Amino acid sequence: MAVPRTLPRLVSPAEIYEGLDRYVIGQARAKKAVAIAAYNHLKRVRARAMGTKLLARKSNVLLIGPTGCGKTHIARTLAHLLDVPFVVADATEYTEAGYYGKDVEVMIGELFLAADTEVAATERGIVFIDEIDKIARRSHGAVTGAGSRDIGGEGVQQALLKLLEGRQIFVPTNVTQHWSKHDFVPIDTTDILFLCAGTFSDLHLYSGGTRVLGFGGGTAGKRGPRITEKDLLRYGMLSEFLGRLPVQVQLSALTDEEMLDILVKPPDSLLKEYAELLRLDGVAIRFEPSGLREVVALAKRRDTGARGMRAVLEEVLSDTLFRGPELAGQTVVVDAAFVRAQAEKSGA
C-alpha cells in the first residue's frame, strides 16, 4: 500500500541522533533514547495511516537532569529535525479540571494550532512538558493520598493520565478562551508522543537520608546514584503517571569541556550569535581560549548550567553591544582579563 503524502518522512534513529549531536553537546544516552522514541513514533503513525494494526504502544520519555543540562534544548532540536507538529508546555501552568488555570487539554489545543488546525497532523505530533517535577504531590504527608485537594500537583498528574495513555478528548479550538465550553474538536492522543522533563533538584530530601540523590553531590559530567522509580514515588509522583513514562533517562551535569564546546561547536552557538550582532555594526570580535574558560568559570559559580553562559556573556559584552556603532571598524578581543574586568564592572 502506498504511503500517504501527508505523513512525515521516516528518519532513522542514527539520523536523528546525528542531527541532535550537531546542536546538543554531551548527553549521548539521552539523545539515543529520544532518537529511538522519535523513530518508533514515526513508524507507528505511518503504520496506523496505512491500516496496519500494531501491538507496540508508544514509549513516552521522562528526562531527569539538573538545570541547564540540555533537556529542553534536546526537545526543541528534535522539533526542527522531524516533520511533525511540536509544542512546548510548562506543567506549572495547569490545574485540575474545574479550577482556575489551564486544563491539560489546552496543551493539545496548542498542538492543534501548531498543526494548522489539522486533526490528522495533530494526532501524530509531539508534546514536550517541562517542569514535570513541579506537579509532584505538594506535601510529604500527601504521599499517602491523605490531605487537602492538590489541584496543581497530584490533580494535574491524574488529569494527564488520559493524555499519556491515549484516548479521544475534546480539545478547545480557541486556547485563549479555553474556559468557554464551546467550539471543541475531538482529538485522539493515542499516537501523540510525550516528552517530559524535570530537575527533581531536591530529591535527596525524600530519600530517608540514606544516600545523596539529585544533582548536588555528584561530579560534573558523571551521573550520580541512579534515580529509581521508588525515589520518584517518594518525591510525590504517582505510580500510574510514571507507568505511562516507560523510558526514563537521567542526564548528567555538564563538564567544563562540554560547556566550552557549547560556546563554540554548534551551528547556532552563543559566540556566533554575538559575533553576528556585532558584525552588523561593523565590529569584529575575537574570543581567546582564556576568555572562554573565564566565561565557563563564572557560569559554573551560578550553578545554572549552559543557560548561565548566556547571562555571563550578556554582562561581559554589555558595554561592547552598547557602543557597537562607535566601535565600527575595530576588533574587540575577549580574553580572561577582559571578561574579569567587565564582570567586576557589572557586579557579577
Protein backbone atom coordinates (compact mmCIF):
# COMPACT_ATOMS: atom_id res chain seq x y z
CA MET A 1 0.00 0.00 0.00
CA ALA A 2 1.30 3.46 -0.88
CA VAL A 3 2.37 5.78 1.92
CA PRO A 4 0.10 8.87 2.20
CA ARG A 5 1.93 12.01 1.11
CA THR A 6 0.84 13.87 4.22
CA LEU A 7 2.86 11.60 6.51
CA PRO A 8 6.31 12.69 7.76
CA ARG A 9 9.44 11.19 6.24
CA LEU A 10 10.76 8.18 8.11
CA VAL A 11 14.09 9.21 9.67
CA SER A 12 16.33 6.53 11.15
CA PRO A 13 17.49 6.64 14.81
CA ALA A 14 21.06 7.20 13.61
CA GLU A 15 19.98 10.19 11.50
CA ILE A 16 18.00 11.68 14.40
CA TYR A 17 20.93 11.15 16.76
CA GLU A 18 23.34 12.74 14.28
CA GLY A 19 21.05 15.76 13.94
CA LEU A 20 20.76 16.12 17.71
CA ASP A 21 24.51 15.69 18.10
CA ARG A 22 25.21 18.71 15.88
CA TYR A 23 23.32 21.04 18.19
CA VAL A 24 23.37 19.31 21.61
CA ILE A 25 26.73 18.77 23.30
CA GLY A 26 27.12 15.69 25.53
CA GLN A 27 24.16 13.70 26.93
CA ALA A 28 24.72 10.81 24.50
CA ARG A 29 22.44 8.47 26.45
CA ALA A 30 19.54 10.92 26.43
CA LYS A 31 19.98 11.70 22.72
CA LYS A 32 19.97 8.00 21.89
CA ALA A 33 16.82 7.36 23.95
CA VAL A 34 15.00 10.31 22.35
CA ALA A 35 16.13 9.22 18.86
CA ILE A 36 14.72 5.72 19.39
CA ALA A 37 11.45 7.04 20.84
CA ALA A 38 11.03 9.52 17.95
CA TYR A 39 11.80 6.86 15.33
CA ASN A 40 9.32 4.42 16.83
CA HIS A 41 6.78 7.24 16.95
CA LEU A 42 7.21 7.88 13.22
CA LYS A 43 6.87 4.15 12.46
CA ARG A 44 3.69 3.87 14.49
CA VAL A 45 1.90 6.82 12.87
CA ARG A 46 2.86 5.63 9.38
CA ALA A 47 1.75 2.07 10.07
CA ARG A 48 -1.57 3.24 11.50
CA ALA A 49 -2.16 5.51 8.50
CA MET A 50 -1.69 2.52 6.20
CA GLY A 51 -4.20 0.49 8.17
CA THR A 52 -1.70 -1.78 9.94
CA LYS A 53 -2.61 -2.85 13.46
CA LEU A 54 0.32 -2.72 15.87
CA LEU A 55 0.77 -4.35 19.27
CA ALA A 56 3.54 -1.92 20.22
CA ARG A 57 2.49 1.00 22.41
CA LYS A 58 4.16 4.39 22.37
CA SER A 59 7.11 4.94 24.68
CA ASN A 60 6.74 8.35 26.31
CA VAL A 61 10.01 9.71 27.72
CA LEU A 62 10.96 11.24 31.08
CA LEU A 63 14.22 13.25 31.12
CA ILE A 64 15.68 13.90 34.58
CA GLY A 65 18.62 16.25 34.98
CA PRO A 66 19.97 19.47 36.52
CA THR A 67 19.03 22.86 35.18
CA GLY A 68 20.90 23.89 32.05
CA CYS A 69 21.99 20.37 31.05
CA GLY A 70 20.11 20.35 27.73
CA LYS A 71 16.69 18.77 28.37
CA THR A 72 14.64 21.49 26.67
CA HIS A 73 17.32 22.00 24.02
CA ILE A 74 17.08 18.34 23.01
CA ALA A 75 13.31 18.67 22.60
CA ARG A 76 13.48 21.91 20.61
CA THR A 77 16.17 20.50 18.33
CA LEU A 78 14.09 17.37 17.76
CA ALA A 79 11.21 19.60 16.64
CA HIS A 80 13.39 21.04 13.87
CA LEU A 81 14.54 17.59 12.75
CA LEU A 82 11.14 15.93 12.46
CA ASP A 83 8.35 16.94 10.15
CA VAL A 84 5.66 16.68 12.83
CA PRO A 85 3.75 19.32 14.84
CA PHE A 86 5.50 20.13 18.10
CA VAL A 87 4.63 22.18 21.18
CA VAL A 88 6.38 23.00 24.47
CA ALA A 89 4.18 23.16 27.59
CA ASP A 90 5.05 24.18 31.15
CA ALA A 91 3.49 21.84 33.72
CA THR A 92 3.17 24.64 36.27
CA GLU A 93 0.54 26.43 34.15
CA TYR A 94 -2.03 23.66 34.51
CA THR A 95 -4.58 22.82 37.20
CA GLU A 96 -7.09 20.08 37.78
CA ALA A 97 -10.24 20.41 35.66
CA GLY A 98 -12.81 22.79 37.17
CA TYR A 99 -10.28 25.12 38.84
CA TYR A 100 -8.83 28.44 37.74
CA GLY A 101 -5.92 27.81 35.39
CA LYS A 102 -5.37 25.83 32.22
CA ASP A 103 -6.93 22.40 31.76
CA VAL A 104 -4.47 19.83 30.38
CA GLU A 105 -6.49 19.63 27.15
CA VAL A 106 -5.16 23.11 26.32
CA MET A 107 -1.69 21.71 25.54
CA ILE A 108 -3.29 19.53 22.85
CA GLY A 109 -5.17 22.63 21.68
CA GLU A 110 -1.81 24.36 21.25
CA LEU A 111 -0.55 21.34 19.29
CA PHE A 112 -3.72 21.61 17.17
CA LEU A 113 -2.78 25.20 16.33
CA ALA A 114 0.82 24.17 15.57
CA ALA A 115 -0.63 21.60 13.14
CA ASP A 116 -2.55 24.36 11.31
CA THR A 117 -5.80 23.02 12.80
CA GLU A 118 -5.46 19.67 11.02
CA VAL A 119 -6.74 16.83 13.21
CA ALA A 120 -4.72 14.10 11.46
CA ALA A 121 -1.48 16.08 11.80
CA THR A 122 -2.22 16.86 15.47
CA GLU A 123 -2.72 13.17 16.25
CA ARG A 124 0.86 12.38 15.20
CA GLY A 125 2.52 15.34 16.95
CA ILE A 126 4.96 15.58 19.87
CA VAL A 127 4.35 17.41 23.16
CA PHE A 128 7.23 18.42 25.44
CA ILE A 129 6.13 19.05 29.06
CA ASP A 130 8.76 20.92 31.07
CA GLU A 131 8.96 21.32 34.87
CA ILE A 132 7.19 18.00 35.36
CA ASP A 133 8.67 17.69 38.87
CA LYS A 134 6.67 20.76 39.93
CA ILE A 135 3.43 18.76 39.78
CA ALA A 136 4.53 16.26 42.42
CA ARG A 137 2.24 15.95 45.45
CA ARG A 138 2.76 19.18 47.34
CA SER A 139 3.34 17.81 50.84
CA HIS A 140 5.16 14.75 52.10
CA GLY A 141 2.10 13.82 54.15
CA ALA A 142 0.02 13.73 50.99
CA VAL A 143 2.15 10.92 49.57
CA THR A 144 -0.28 8.52 51.22
CA GLY A 145 -3.16 10.19 49.42
CA ALA A 146 -4.48 11.93 52.54
CA GLY A 147 -4.85 15.67 53.00
CA SER A 148 -6.50 18.55 51.19
CA ARG A 149 -7.16 18.55 47.46
CA ASP A 150 -3.97 19.12 45.46
CA ILE A 151 -5.26 20.85 42.32
CA GLY A 152 -1.87 21.92 40.93
CA GLY A 153 0.12 18.79 41.76
CA GLU A 154 -1.50 15.38 42.08
CA GLY A 155 -4.63 16.68 40.32
CA VAL A 156 -2.60 17.61 37.24
CA GLN A 157 -0.86 14.24 37.21
CA GLN A 158 -4.23 12.49 37.27
CA ALA A 159 -5.56 14.73 34.51
CA LEU A 160 -2.52 13.93 32.34
CA LEU A 161 -3.02 10.18 32.61
CA LYS A 162 -5.64 10.06 29.86
CA LEU A 163 -3.43 12.09 27.53
CA LEU A 164 -0.33 9.98 28.11
CA GLU A 165 -2.19 6.68 27.78
CA GLY A 166 -4.14 7.73 24.71
CA ARG A 167 -7.84 8.35 24.27
CA GLN A 168 -10.19 10.67 22.46
CA ILE A 169 -10.57 14.01 24.21
CA PHE A 170 -12.35 17.26 23.40
CA VAL A 171 -9.84 20.00 22.68
CA PRO A 172 -10.70 23.73 22.68
CA THR A 173 -10.16 25.32 19.28
CA ASN A 174 -9.54 28.70 20.93
CA VAL A 175 -6.84 28.19 23.58
CA THR A 176 -7.13 31.82 24.70
CA GLN A 177 -10.70 31.12 25.84
CA HIS A 178 -10.33 27.54 27.00
CA TRP A 179 -12.73 28.21 29.86
CA SER A 180 -15.55 28.50 27.32
CA LYS A 181 -17.38 25.23 26.76
CA HIS A 182 -17.98 25.92 23.08
CA ASP A 183 -16.01 25.16 19.91
CA PHE A 184 -14.26 21.92 20.75
CA VAL A 185 -12.79 19.34 18.38
CA PRO A 186 -12.24 15.62 19.19
CA ILE A 187 -8.58 14.56 19.14
CA ASP A 188 -7.22 11.04 19.70
CA THR A 189 -3.98 11.20 21.75
CA THR A 190 -3.08 7.54 21.18
CA ASP A 191 -0.25 8.38 18.79
CA ILE A 192 0.84 11.72 20.29
CA LEU A 193 4.32 11.29 21.78
CA PHE A 194 5.03 12.97 25.13
CA LEU A 195 8.50 14.02 26.29
CA CYS A 196 8.53 15.14 29.92
CA ALA A 197 11.42 16.77 31.77
CA GLY A 198 12.22 17.88 35.30
CA THR A 199 15.17 18.69 37.55
CA PHE A 200 13.96 16.92 40.73
CA SER A 201 16.66 19.03 42.38
CA ASP A 202 15.53 18.37 45.98
CA LEU A 203 15.01 14.64 45.51
CA HIS A 204 17.51 13.90 48.28
CA LEU A 205 15.02 15.24 50.84
CA TYR A 206 12.79 12.25 50.14
CA SER A 207 15.48 9.56 50.26
CA GLY A 208 15.25 8.99 54.01
CA GLY A 209 18.77 10.33 54.47
CA THR A 210 20.39 7.07 53.39
CA ARG A 211 22.08 8.43 50.31
CA VAL A 212 22.52 11.56 48.25
CA LEU A 213 20.17 11.81 45.28
CA GLY A 214 19.55 14.58 42.81
CA PHE A 215 22.44 16.54 41.39
CA GLY A 216 24.07 18.43 44.21
CA GLY A 217 26.51 15.80 45.34
CA GLY A 218 27.83 14.40 42.08
CA THR A 219 30.77 15.32 39.90
CA ALA A 220 30.01 17.30 36.78
CA GLY A 221 29.75 15.05 33.75
CA LYS A 222 29.21 11.93 35.84
CA ARG A 223 25.81 10.62 36.75
CA GLY A 224 25.33 10.26 40.47
CA PRO A 225 23.44 7.39 42.11
CA ARG A 226 20.79 6.12 39.76
CA ILE A 227 17.38 7.62 40.47
CA THR A 228 14.88 4.81 40.74
CA GLU A 229 11.12 4.76 40.33
CA LYS A 230 10.87 4.22 44.08
CA ASP A 231 12.70 7.53 44.63
CA LEU A 232 10.29 9.31 42.30
CA LEU A 233 7.30 7.81 44.13
CA ARG A 234 8.67 9.14 47.41
CA TYR A 235 9.11 12.51 45.77
CA GLY A 236 5.39 12.63 45.05
CA MET A 237 4.95 11.27 41.55
CA LEU A 238 2.02 8.87 41.04
CA SER A 239 2.85 5.29 40.10
CA GLU A 240 0.18 5.42 37.36
CA PHE A 241 1.84 8.54 35.96
CA LEU A 242 5.34 7.03 35.94
CA GLY A 243 3.93 3.87 34.38
CA ARG A 244 2.97 5.91 31.33
CA LEU A 245 6.55 7.22 31.00
CA PRO A 246 8.41 3.92 30.45
CA VAL A 247 11.60 5.49 29.07
CA GLN A 248 13.30 7.29 31.98
CA VAL A 249 16.71 8.85 31.28
CA GLN A 250 18.97 10.54 33.81
CA LEU A 251 21.11 13.35 32.39
CA SER A 252 24.40 14.49 33.92
CA ALA A 253 25.71 17.94 34.77
CA LEU A 254 27.93 19.39 32.06
CA THR A 255 31.72 19.27 32.36
CA ASP A 256 33.91 22.34 31.76
CA GLU A 257 34.98 20.92 28.38
CA GLU A 258 31.37 20.34 27.33
CA MET A 259 30.47 23.90 28.29
CA LEU A 260 33.40 25.19 26.22
CA ASP A 261 32.18 23.09 23.28
CA ILE A 262 28.67 24.53 23.68
CA LEU A 263 30.14 28.01 23.23
CA VAL A 264 32.00 27.09 20.05
CA LYS A 265 30.81 23.98 18.20
CA PRO A 266 27.04 24.11 17.47
CA PRO A 267 25.94 25.89 14.27
CA ASP A 268 23.83 28.19 16.44
CA SER A 269 26.39 28.67 19.21
CA LEU A 270 26.33 31.70 21.51
CA LEU A 271 29.61 33.07 20.18
CA LYS A 272 28.28 33.03 16.62
CA GLU A 273 25.16 34.90 17.78
CA TYR A 274 27.13 37.73 19.37
CA ALA A 275 29.64 37.85 16.51
CA GLU A 276 26.73 38.23 14.08
CA LEU A 277 25.13 41.04 16.12
CA LEU A 278 28.39 42.99 16.26
CA ARG A 279 29.19 42.32 12.60
CA LEU A 280 26.00 44.19 11.70
CA ASP A 281 27.61 47.23 13.38
CA GLY A 282 30.87 46.64 11.52
CA VAL A 283 32.65 45.35 14.64
CA ALA A 284 34.84 42.24 14.63
CA ILE A 285 35.17 40.19 17.81
CA ARG A 286 37.79 37.59 18.70
CA PHE A 287 37.27 35.20 21.58
CA GLU A 288 40.51 33.93 23.12
CA PRO A 289 40.57 30.49 24.84
CA SER A 290 41.43 32.15 28.16
CA GLY A 291 38.35 34.36 27.87
CA LEU A 292 36.09 31.41 27.14
CA ARG A 293 37.43 29.49 30.14
CA GLU A 294 36.71 32.51 32.32
CA VAL A 295 33.13 32.67 30.99
CA VAL A 296 32.66 28.99 31.84
CA ALA A 297 34.11 29.51 35.33
CA LEU A 298 31.69 32.39 36.02
CA ALA A 299 28.75 30.35 34.74
CA LYS A 300 29.73 27.36 36.90
CA ARG A 301 29.63 29.54 40.02
CA ARG A 302 26.00 30.34 39.26
CA ASP A 303 25.16 26.65 39.04
CA THR A 304 22.70 27.17 36.19
CA GLY A 305 24.43 25.06 33.55
CA ALA A 306 24.68 26.09 29.92
CA ARG A 307 21.98 28.77 30.13
CA GLY A 308 24.14 30.58 32.70
CA MET A 309 26.73 31.28 30.00
CA ARG A 310 24.29 33.49 28.08
CA ALA A 311 23.76 35.61 31.20
CA VAL A 312 27.51 35.90 31.69
CA LEU A 313 28.12 36.88 28.06
CA GLU A 314 25.32 39.47 28.20
CA GLU A 315 27.05 41.11 31.17
CA VAL A 316 30.55 40.81 29.74
CA LEU A 317 29.60 42.17 26.31
CA SER A 318 27.08 44.74 27.57
CA ASP A 319 29.36 47.76 27.04
CA THR A 320 30.55 46.46 23.67
CA LEU A 321 27.00 45.96 22.42
CA PHE A 322 26.01 49.40 23.73
CA ARG A 323 28.92 51.08 21.96
CA GLY A 324 28.58 48.97 18.80
CA PRO A 325 28.09 51.87 16.35
CA GLU A 326 31.07 53.75 17.85
CA LEU A 327 33.34 50.72 17.50
CA ALA A 328 32.73 50.20 13.77
CA GLY A 329 35.89 49.03 12.03
CA GLN A 330 37.55 47.88 15.25
CA THR A 331 38.27 44.40 16.65
CA VAL A 332 37.29 43.54 20.22
CA VAL A 333 39.45 40.89 21.88
CA VAL A 334 37.73 38.90 24.62
CA ASP A 335 40.40 37.34 26.83
CA ALA A 336 40.44 36.46 30.54
CA ALA A 337 41.39 39.99 31.62
CA PHE A 338 38.56 41.48 29.52
CA VAL A 339 35.99 39.06 30.97
CA ARG A 340 37.12 39.65 34.57
CA ALA A 341 37.12 43.44 34.14
CA GLN A 342 33.65 43.55 32.60
CA ALA A 343 32.26 41.08 35.15
CA GLU A 344 33.54 43.20 38.03
CA LYS A 345 32.05 46.31 36.45
CA SER A 346 28.63 44.62 36.20
CA GLY A 347 28.91 43.19 39.71
CA ALA A 348 28.86 39.57 38.54
